[in-house]
Amino acid sequence: MKIVAIKLPRFLSNIIKKIKRVKK
């Protein structure tokens, strides 16, 4: 469970970064 809790935020942050790049 701890591993999932750590990986999820990173996965979401990566998606947000990609979206921000596309918007720019």
PDB file of N, CA and C in Angstrom:
ATOM      1  N   MET A   1       0.841  -1.205   0.000  1.00  0.00           N
ATOM      2  CA  MET A   1       0.000   0.000   0.000  1.00  0.00           C
ATOM      3  C   MET A   1       0.877   1.256   0.000  1.00  0.00           C
ATOM      4  N   LYS A   2       1.954   1.227   0.772  1.00  0.00           N
ATOM      5  CA  LYS A   2       2.836   2.410   0.831  1.00  0.00           C
ATOM      6  C   LYS A   2       3.439   2.701  -0.545  1.00  0.00           C
ATOM      7  N   ILE A   3       3.815   1.624  -1.247  1.00  0.00           N
ATOM      8  CA  ILE A   3       4.421   1.808  -2.576  1.00  0.00           C
ATOM      9  C   ILE A   3       3.410   2.483  -3.509  1.00  0.00           C
ATOM     10  N   VAL A   4       2.168   2.042  -3.459  1.00  0.00           N
ATOM     11  CA  VAL A   4       1.129   2.623  -4.328  1.00  0.00           C
ATOM     12  C   VAL A   4       0.925   4.092  -3.968  1.00  0.00           C
ATOM     13  N   ALA A   5       0.915   4.393  -2.676  1.00  0.00           N
ATOM     14  CA  ALA A   5       0.700   5.773  -2.219  1.00  0.00           C
ATOM     15  C   ALA A   5       1.833   6.680  -2.706  1.00  0.00           C
ATOM     16  N   ILE A   6       3.033   6.123  -2.830  1.00  0.00           N
ATOM     17  CA  ILE A   6       4.176   6.925  -3.289  1.00  0.00           C
ATOM     18  C   ILE A   6       4.156   7.053  -4.817  1.00  0.00           C
ATOM     19  N   LYS A   7       3.764   5.987  -5.504  1.00  0.00           N
ATOM     20  CA  LYS A   7       3.795   6.005  -6.972  1.00  0.00           C
ATOM     21  C   LYS A   7       2.658   6.837  -7.555  1.00  0.00           C
ATOM     22  N   LEU A   8       1.504   6.818  -6.922  1.00  0.00           N
ATOM     23  CA  LEU A   8       0.348   7.554  -7.470  1.00  0.00           C
ATOM     24  C   LEU A   8       0.624   9.051  -7.608  1.00  0.00           C
ATOM     25  N   PRO A   9       1.098   9.747  -6.571  1.00  0.00           N
ATOM     26  CA  PRO A   9       1.391  11.177  -6.702  1.00  0.00           C
ATOM     27  C   PRO A   9       2.381  11.463  -7.827  1.00  0.00           C
ATOM     28  N   ARG A  10       3.389  10.628  -7.975  1.00  0.00           N
ATOM     29  CA  ARG A  10       4.371  10.834  -9.056  1.00  0.00           C
ATOM     30  C   ARG A  10       3.697  10.675 -10.402  1.00  0.00           C
ATOM     31  N   PHE A  11       2.837   9.660 -10.534  1.00  0.00           N
ATOM     32  CA  PHE A  11       2.147   9.417 -11.800  1.00  0.00           C
ATOM     33  C   PHE A  11       1.259  10.612 -12.143  1.00  0.00           C
ATOM     34  N   LEU A  12       0.525  11.102 -11.153  1.00  0.00           N
ATOM     35  CA  LEU A  12      -0.362  12.257 -11.387  1.00  0.00           C
ATOM     36  C   LEU A  12       0.458  13.492 -11.725  1.00  0.00           C
ATOM     37  N   SER A  13       1.554  13.701 -11.034  1.00  0.00           N
ATOM     38  CA  SER A  13       2.391  14.883 -11.290  1.00  0.00           C
ATOM     39  C   SER A  13       2.970  14.813 -12.701  1.00  0.00           C
ATOM     40  N   ASN A  14       3.317  13.614 -13.160  1.00  0.00           N
ATOM     41  CA  ASN A  14       3.851  13.462 -14.526  1.00  0.00           C
ATOM     42  C   ASN A  14       2.787  13.832 -15.543  1.00  0.00           C
ATOM     43  N   ILE A  15       1.532  13.416 -15.312  1.00  0.00           N
ATOM     44  CA  ILE A  15       0.437  13.744 -16.229  1.00  0.00           C
ATOM     45  C   ILE A  15       0.215  15.255 -16.240  1.00  0.00           C
ATOM     46  N   ILE A  16       0.256  15.862 -15.058  1.00  0.00           N
ATOM     47  CA  ILE A  16       0.047  17.316 -14.970  1.00  0.00           C
ATOM     48  C   ILE A  16       1.149  18.044 -15.732  1.00  0.00           C
ATOM     49  N   LYS A  17       2.372  17.578 -15.603  1.00  0.00           N
ATOM     50  CA  LYS A  17       3.488  18.211 -16.310  1.00  0.00           C
ATOM     51  C   LYS A  17       3.289  18.101 -17.818  1.00  0.00           C
ATOM     52  N   LYS A  18       2.824  16.934 -18.287  1.00  0.00           N
ATOM     53  CA  LYS A  18       2.597  16.750 -19.722  1.00  0.00           C
ATOM     54  C   LYS A  18       1.489  17.682 -20.201  1.00  0.00           C
ATOM     55  N   ILE A  19       0.430  17.813 -19.402  1.00  0.00           N
ATOM     56  CA  ILE A  19      -0.690  18.689 -19.784  1.00  0.00           C
ATOM     57  C   ILE A  19      -0.211  20.137 -19.847  1.00  0.00           C
ATOM     58  N   LYS A  20       0.614  20.536 -18.872  1.00  0.00           N
ATOM     59  CA  LYS A  20       1.123  21.911 -18.865  1.00  0.00           C
ATOM     60  C   LYS A  20       1.990  22.164 -20.089  1.00  0.00           C
ATOM     61  N   ARG A  21       2.764  21.176 -20.487  1.00  0.00           N
ATOM     62  CA  ARG A  21       3.615  21.341 -21.674  1.00  0.00           C
ATOM     63  C   ARG A  21       2.763  21.503 -22.918  1.00  0.00           C
ATOM     64  N   VAL A  22       1.692  20.719 -22.998  1.00  0.00           N
ATOM     65  CA  VAL A  22       0.807  20.793 -24.179  1.00  0.00           C
ATOM     66  C   VAL A  22       0.102  22.150 -24.217  1.00  0.00           C
ATOM     67  N   LYS A  23      -0.323  22.641 -23.052  1.00  0.00           N
ATOM     68  CA  LYS A  23      -1.002  23.950 -23.003  1.00  0.00           C
ATOM     69  C   LYS A  23      -0.063  25.073 -23.421  1.00  0.00           C
ATOM     70  N   LYS A  24       1.220  24.951 -23.057  1.00  0.00           N
ATOM     71  CA  LYS A  24       2.192  25.978 -23.452  1.00  0.00           C
ATOM     72  C   LYS A  24       2.502  25.803 -24.935  1.00  0.00           C
TER      73      LYS A  24
END
